[in-house]
C-alpha atoms as a PDB file:
ATOM      1  CA  UNK A   1      71.218  85.877  90.020  1.00  0.00           C
ATOM      2  CA  UNK A   2      74.941  86.652  90.012  1.00  0.00           C
ATOM      3  CA  UNK A   3      77.495  83.978  89.261  1.00  0.00           C
ATOM      4  CA  UNK A   4      80.449  83.629  91.633  1.00  0.00           C
ATOM      5  CA  UNK A   5      82.694  85.146  88.961  1.00  0.00           C
ATOM      6  CA  UNK A   6      80.446  88.213  88.677  1.00  0.00           C
ATOM      7  CA  UNK A   7      80.155  88.488  92.456  1.00  0.00           C
ATOM      8  CA  UNK A   8      83.922  88.380  92.951  1.00  0.00           C
ATOM      9  CA  UNK A   9      84.385  91.105  90.340  1.00  0.00           C
ATOM     10  CA  UNK A  10      81.789  93.302  92.018  1.00  0.00           C
ATOM     11  CA  UNK A  11      83.374  92.673  95.426  1.00  0.00           C
ATOM     12  CA  UNK A  12      86.737  93.793  94.042  1.00  0.00           C
ATOM     13  CA  UNK A  13      85.199  96.824  92.352  1.00  0.00           C
ATOM     14  CA  UNK A  14      83.498  97.822  95.599  1.00  0.00           C
ATOM     15  CA  UNK A  15      86.932  98.705  96.980  1.00  0.00           C
ATOM     16  CA  UNK A  16      87.487 101.245  94.201  1.00  0.00           C
ATOM     17  CA  UNK A  17      84.068 102.725  93.586  1.00  0.00           C
ATOM     18  CA  UNK A  18      80.597 102.991  95.013  1.00  0.00           C
ATOM     19  CA  UNK A  19      78.353 100.247  93.716  1.00  0.00           C
ATOM     20  CA  UNK A  20      75.000 100.970  92.157  1.00  0.00           C
ATOM     21  CA  UNK A  21      71.901 100.060  94.124  1.00  0.00           C
ATOM     22  CA  UNK A  22      71.277  97.164  91.753  1.00  0.00           C
ATOM     23  CA  UNK A  23      74.824  95.817  92.225  1.00  0.00           C
ATOM     24  CA  UNK A  24      74.587  96.109  96.015  1.00  0.00           C
ATOM     25  CA  UNK A  25      71.272  94.286  96.085  1.00  0.00           C
ATOM     26  CA  UNK A  26      72.445  91.504  93.760  1.00  0.00           C
ATOM     27  CA  UNK A  27      75.676  91.113  95.706  1.00  0.00           C
ATOM     28  CA  UNK A  28      73.933  90.971  99.090  1.00  0.00           C
ATOM     29  CA  UNK A  29      71.553  88.353  97.767  1.00  0.00           C
ATOM     30  CA  UNK A  30      74.437  86.300  96.384  1.00  0.00           C
ATOM     31  CA  UNK A  31      76.411  86.582  99.632  1.00  0.00           C
ATOM     32  CA  UNK A  32      73.422  85.258 101.569  1.00  0.00           C
ATOM     33  CA  UNK A  33      73.562  81.977  99.683  1.00  0.00           C
ATOM     34  CA  UNK A  34      77.255  81.615  98.773  1.00  0.00           C
ATOM     35  CA  UNK A  35      79.632  81.030 101.661  1.00  0.00           C
ATOM     36  CA  UNK A  36      82.674  81.069  99.359  1.00  0.00           C
ATOM     37  CA  UNK A  37      82.016  84.539  97.998  1.00  0.00           C
ATOM     38  CA  UNK A  38      81.142  85.759 101.476  1.00  0.00           C
ATOM     39  CA  UNK A  39      84.481  84.453 102.704  1.00  0.00           C
ATOM     40  CA  UNK A  40      86.263  86.085  99.749  1.00  0.00           C
ATOM     41  CA  UNK A  41      84.605  89.404 100.576  1.00  0.00           C
ATOM     42  CA  UNK A  42      85.615  89.159 104.230  1.00  0.00           C
ATOM     43  CA  UNK A  43      89.193  88.284 103.295  1.00  0.00           C
ATOM     44  CA  UNK A  44      89.473  91.144 100.831  1.00  0.00           C
ATOM     45  CA  UNK A  45      88.206  93.635 103.399  1.00  0.00           C
ATOM     46  CA  UNK A  46      90.579  92.202 106.032  1.00  0.00           C
ATOM     47  CA  UNK A  47      93.513  92.641 103.638  1.00  0.00           C
ATOM     48  CA  UNK A  48      92.493  96.234 102.984  1.00  0.00           C
ATOM     49  CA  UNK A  49      92.246  96.927 106.726  1.00  0.00           C
ATOM     50  CA  UNK A  50      95.668  95.352 107.292  1.00  0.00           C
ATOM     51  CA  UNK A  51      97.195  97.516 104.564  1.00  0.00           C
ATOM     52  CA  UNK A  52      95.734 100.640 106.124  1.00  0.00           C
ATOM     53  CA  UNK A  53      97.138  99.605 109.493  1.00  0.00           C
ATOM     54  CA  UNK A  54     100.552  98.947 107.932  1.00  0.00           C
ATOM     55  CA  UNK A  55     100.336 102.314 106.225  1.00  0.00           C
ATOM     56  CA  UNK A  56      99.794 104.031 109.533  1.00  0.00           C
ATOM     57  CA  UNK A  57     102.630 102.109 111.191  1.00  0.00           C
ATOM     58  CA  UNK A  58     105.139 102.920 108.447  1.00  0.00           C
ATOM     59  CA  UNK A  59     104.037 106.514 108.184  1.00  0.00           C
ATOM     60  CA  UNK A  60     104.710 107.075 111.889  1.00  0.00           C
ATOM     61  CA  UNK A  61     107.927 105.034 112.072  1.00  0.00           C
ATOM     62  CA  UNK A  62     111.087 107.140 111.923  1.00  0.00           C
ATOM     63  CA  UNK A  63     113.279 104.027 111.819  1.00  0.00           C
ATOM     64  CA  UNK A  64     112.160 103.179 108.289  1.00  0.00           C
ATOM     65  CA  UNK A  65     115.152 104.168 106.167  1.00  0.00           C
ATOM     66  CA  UNK A  66     113.986 105.597 102.869  1.00  0.00           C
ATOM     67  CA  UNK A  67     113.732 109.038 101.353  1.00  0.00           C
ATOM     68  CA  UNK A  68     110.689 110.912 102.587  1.00  0.00           C
ATOM     69  CA  UNK A  69     109.418 111.337  99.007  1.00  0.00           C
ATOM     70  CA  UNK A  70     109.531 107.555  98.459  1.00  0.00           C
ATOM     71  CA  UNK A  71     107.791 106.986 101.780  1.00  0.00           C
ATOM     72  CA  UNK A  72     105.103 109.499 100.785  1.00  0.00           C
ATOM     73  CA  UNK A  73     104.511 107.810  97.387  1.00  0.00           C
ATOM     74  CA  UNK A  74     104.226 104.419  99.081  1.00  0.00           C
ATOM     75  CA  UNK A  75     101.663 105.724 101.541  1.00  0.00           C
ATOM     76  CA  UNK A  76      99.620 107.312  98.755  1.00  0.00           C
ATOM     77  CA  UNK A  77      99.697 104.075  96.790  1.00  0.00           C
ATOM     78  CA  UNK A  78      98.523 102.039  99.782  1.00  0.00           C
ATOM     79  CA  UNK A  79      95.770 104.524 100.607  1.00  0.00           C
ATOM     80  CA  UNK A  80      94.435 104.429  97.070  1.00  0.00           C
ATOM     81  CA  UNK A  81      94.172 100.612  97.148  1.00  0.00           C
END
């Protein structure tokens, strides 16, 4: 059984890489019984969705005053998060 510390690390890692089948199974099992980790997972995914939405808004906003190269690097950084 995963500890909350292990679960939170796996949740964070799931944003950067595909989890193994074993990790997915252990995490799903943990999230079934731990409301705090489930809430953490939901919050992390909501933050990621908000960043993607902000990325889209900034990318399409001509009123944002910054060099296009800087804007492009910012968008790439947000997308890779």
